[in-house]
Amino acid sequence: MPIVASIGGNTGKQTIAIVIRALGGDQVRGTGAMRLLNKELVVSLLNGSIWGVVAGIVAVALYANYSLFARGRS
């Protein structure tokens, strides 16, 4: 889990650095800023969803325990 959190933090920092650099260089203005924000949101949602499903499949394959997905059941 710490590795996953670390990767997410590093990716976020890289994205922020690129956006701040573009803002500082006056490369992002008006509607371009909204387009960039929407693009980043869509990419992050897709990335998180895909890797969440992959992690779930790997967890089931490794542990063969479907109760990992059952909330509140023991």
C-alpha atoms as a PDB file:
ATOM      1  CA  MET A   1       0.000   0.000   0.000  1.00  0.00           C
ATOM      2  CA  PRO A   2       2.750   2.557   0.692  1.00  0.00           C
ATOM      3  CA  ILE A   3       4.155   1.954  -2.781  1.00  0.00           C
ATOM      4  CA  VAL A   4       0.763   2.603  -4.395  1.00  0.00           C
ATOM      5  CA  ALA A   5       0.320   5.807  -2.380  1.00  0.00           C
ATOM      6  CA  SER A   6       3.833   6.909  -3.295  1.00  0.00           C
ATOM      7  CA  ILE A   7       3.243   6.357  -7.007  1.00  0.00           C
ATOM      8  CA  GLY A   8       0.003   8.342  -6.837  1.00  0.00           C
ATOM      9  CA  GLY A   9       1.751  11.187  -5.053  1.00  0.00           C
ATOM     10  CA  ASN A  10       4.604  11.279  -7.561  1.00  0.00           C
ATOM     11  CA  THR A  11       2.201  11.304 -10.502  1.00  0.00           C
ATOM     12  CA  GLY A  12       0.212  14.123  -8.962  1.00  0.00           C
ATOM     13  CA  LYS A  13       3.334  16.186  -8.322  1.00  0.00           C
ATOM     14  CA  GLN A  14       4.477  15.747 -11.913  1.00  0.00           C
ATOM     15  CA  THR A  15       1.085  16.837 -13.242  1.00  0.00           C
ATOM     16  CA  ILE A  16       1.027  19.887 -10.981  1.00  0.00           C
ATOM     17  CA  ALA A  17       4.552  20.840 -12.061  1.00  0.00           C
ATOM     18  CA  ILE A  18       3.603  20.670 -15.747  1.00  0.00           C
ATOM     19  CA  VAL A  19       0.439  22.728 -15.248  1.00  0.00           C
ATOM     20  CA  ILE A  20       2.205  25.366 -13.149  1.00  0.00           C
ATOM     21  CA  ARG A  21       4.956  25.624 -15.759  1.00  0.00           C
ATOM     22  CA  ALA A  22       2.347  26.103 -18.508  1.00  0.00           C
ATOM     23  CA  LEU A  23       0.545  28.754 -16.441  1.00  0.00           C
ATOM     24  CA  GLY A  24       3.826  30.554 -15.748  1.00  0.00           C
ATOM     25  CA  GLY A  25       4.729  30.533 -19.436  1.00  0.00           C
ATOM     26  CA  ASP A  26       1.282  31.940 -20.278  1.00  0.00           C
ATOM     27  CA  GLN A  27       0.519  28.877 -22.401  1.00  0.00           C
ATOM     28  CA  VAL A  28      -2.855  28.214 -20.755  1.00  0.00           C
ATOM     29  CA  ARG A  29      -5.614  30.826 -20.969  1.00  0.00           C
ATOM     30  CA  GLY A  30      -9.410  30.980 -20.651  1.00  0.00           C
ATOM     31  CA  THR A  31     -11.127  27.999 -22.204  1.00  0.00           C
ATOM     32  CA  GLY A  32      -7.793  26.232 -22.566  1.00  0.00           C
ATOM     33  CA  ALA A  33      -7.583  26.049 -18.776  1.00  0.00           C
ATOM     34  CA  MET A  34     -10.989  24.364 -18.528  1.00  0.00           C
ATOM     35  CA  ARG A  35     -10.097  21.964 -21.336  1.00  0.00           C
ATOM     36  CA  LEU A  36      -6.860  21.072 -19.554  1.00  0.00           C
ATOM     37  CA  LEU A  37      -8.688  20.559 -16.250  1.00  0.00           C
ATOM     38  CA  ASN A  38     -11.315  18.338 -17.896  1.00  0.00           C
ATOM     39  CA  LYS A  39      -8.627  16.325 -19.655  1.00  0.00           C
ATOM     40  CA  GLU A  40      -6.711  15.754 -16.416  1.00  0.00           C
ATOM     41  CA  LEU A  41      -9.897  14.718 -14.593  1.00  0.00           C
ATOM     42  CA  VAL A  42     -10.912  12.234 -17.292  1.00  0.00           C
ATOM     43  CA  VAL A  43      -7.431  10.721 -17.486  1.00  0.00           C
ATOM     44  CA  SER A  44      -7.184  10.393 -13.700  1.00  0.00           C
ATOM     45  CA  LEU A  45     -10.639   8.780 -13.422  1.00  0.00           C
ATOM     46  CA  LEU A  46      -9.866   6.294 -16.191  1.00  0.00           C
ATOM     47  CA  ASN A  47      -6.448   5.513 -14.750  1.00  0.00           C
ATOM     48  CA  GLY A  48      -7.820   4.986 -11.252  1.00  0.00           C
ATOM     49  CA  SER A  49     -10.714   2.853 -12.483  1.00  0.00           C
ATOM     50  CA  ILE A  50      -8.575   0.626 -14.677  1.00  0.00           C
ATOM     51  CA  TRP A  51      -5.908   0.034 -12.034  1.00  0.00           C
ATOM     52  CA  GLY A  52      -8.553  -0.464  -9.344  1.00  0.00           C
ATOM     53  CA  VAL A  53     -10.118  -3.263 -11.381  1.00  0.00           C
ATOM     54  CA  VAL A  54      -6.692  -4.774 -12.094  1.00  0.00           C
ATOM     55  CA  ALA A  55      -5.804  -4.702  -8.382  1.00  0.00           C
ATOM     56  CA  GLY A  56      -9.135  -6.339  -7.525  1.00  0.00           C
ATOM     57  CA  ILE A  57      -8.595  -9.120 -10.054  1.00  0.00           C
ATOM     58  CA  VAL A  58      -5.078  -9.730  -8.751  1.00  0.00           C
ATOM     59  CA  ALA A  59      -6.354  -9.825  -5.146  1.00  0.00           C
ATOM     60  CA  VAL A  60      -9.007 -12.414  -6.014  1.00  0.00           C
ATOM     61  CA  ALA A  61      -6.509 -14.443  -8.056  1.00  0.00           C
ATOM     62  CA  LEU A  62      -3.927 -14.443  -5.270  1.00  0.00           C
ATOM     63  CA  TYR A  63      -6.197 -15.060  -2.321  1.00  0.00           C
ATOM     64  CA  ALA A  64      -9.204 -16.785  -3.956  1.00  0.00           C
ATOM     65  CA  ASN A  65     -11.344 -15.127  -1.313  1.00  0.00           C
ATOM     66  CA  TYR A  66     -14.440 -13.342  -2.547  1.00  0.00           C
ATOM     67  CA  SER A  67     -15.257 -12.123   0.954  1.00  0.00           C
ATOM     68  CA  LEU A  68     -12.735  -9.351   0.284  1.00  0.00           C
ATOM     69  CA  PHE A  69     -15.585  -7.685  -1.596  1.00  0.00           C
ATOM     70  CA  ALA A  70     -18.358  -8.419   0.917  1.00  0.00           C
ATOM     71  CA  ARG A  71     -18.836  -5.458   3.228  1.00  0.00           C
ATOM     72  CA  GLY A  72     -19.510  -6.196   6.854  1.00  0.00           C
ATOM     73  CA  ARG A  73     -19.651  -9.958   6.427  1.00  0.00           C
ATOM     74  CA  SER A  74     -17.257 -12.226   8.237  1.00  0.00           C
END
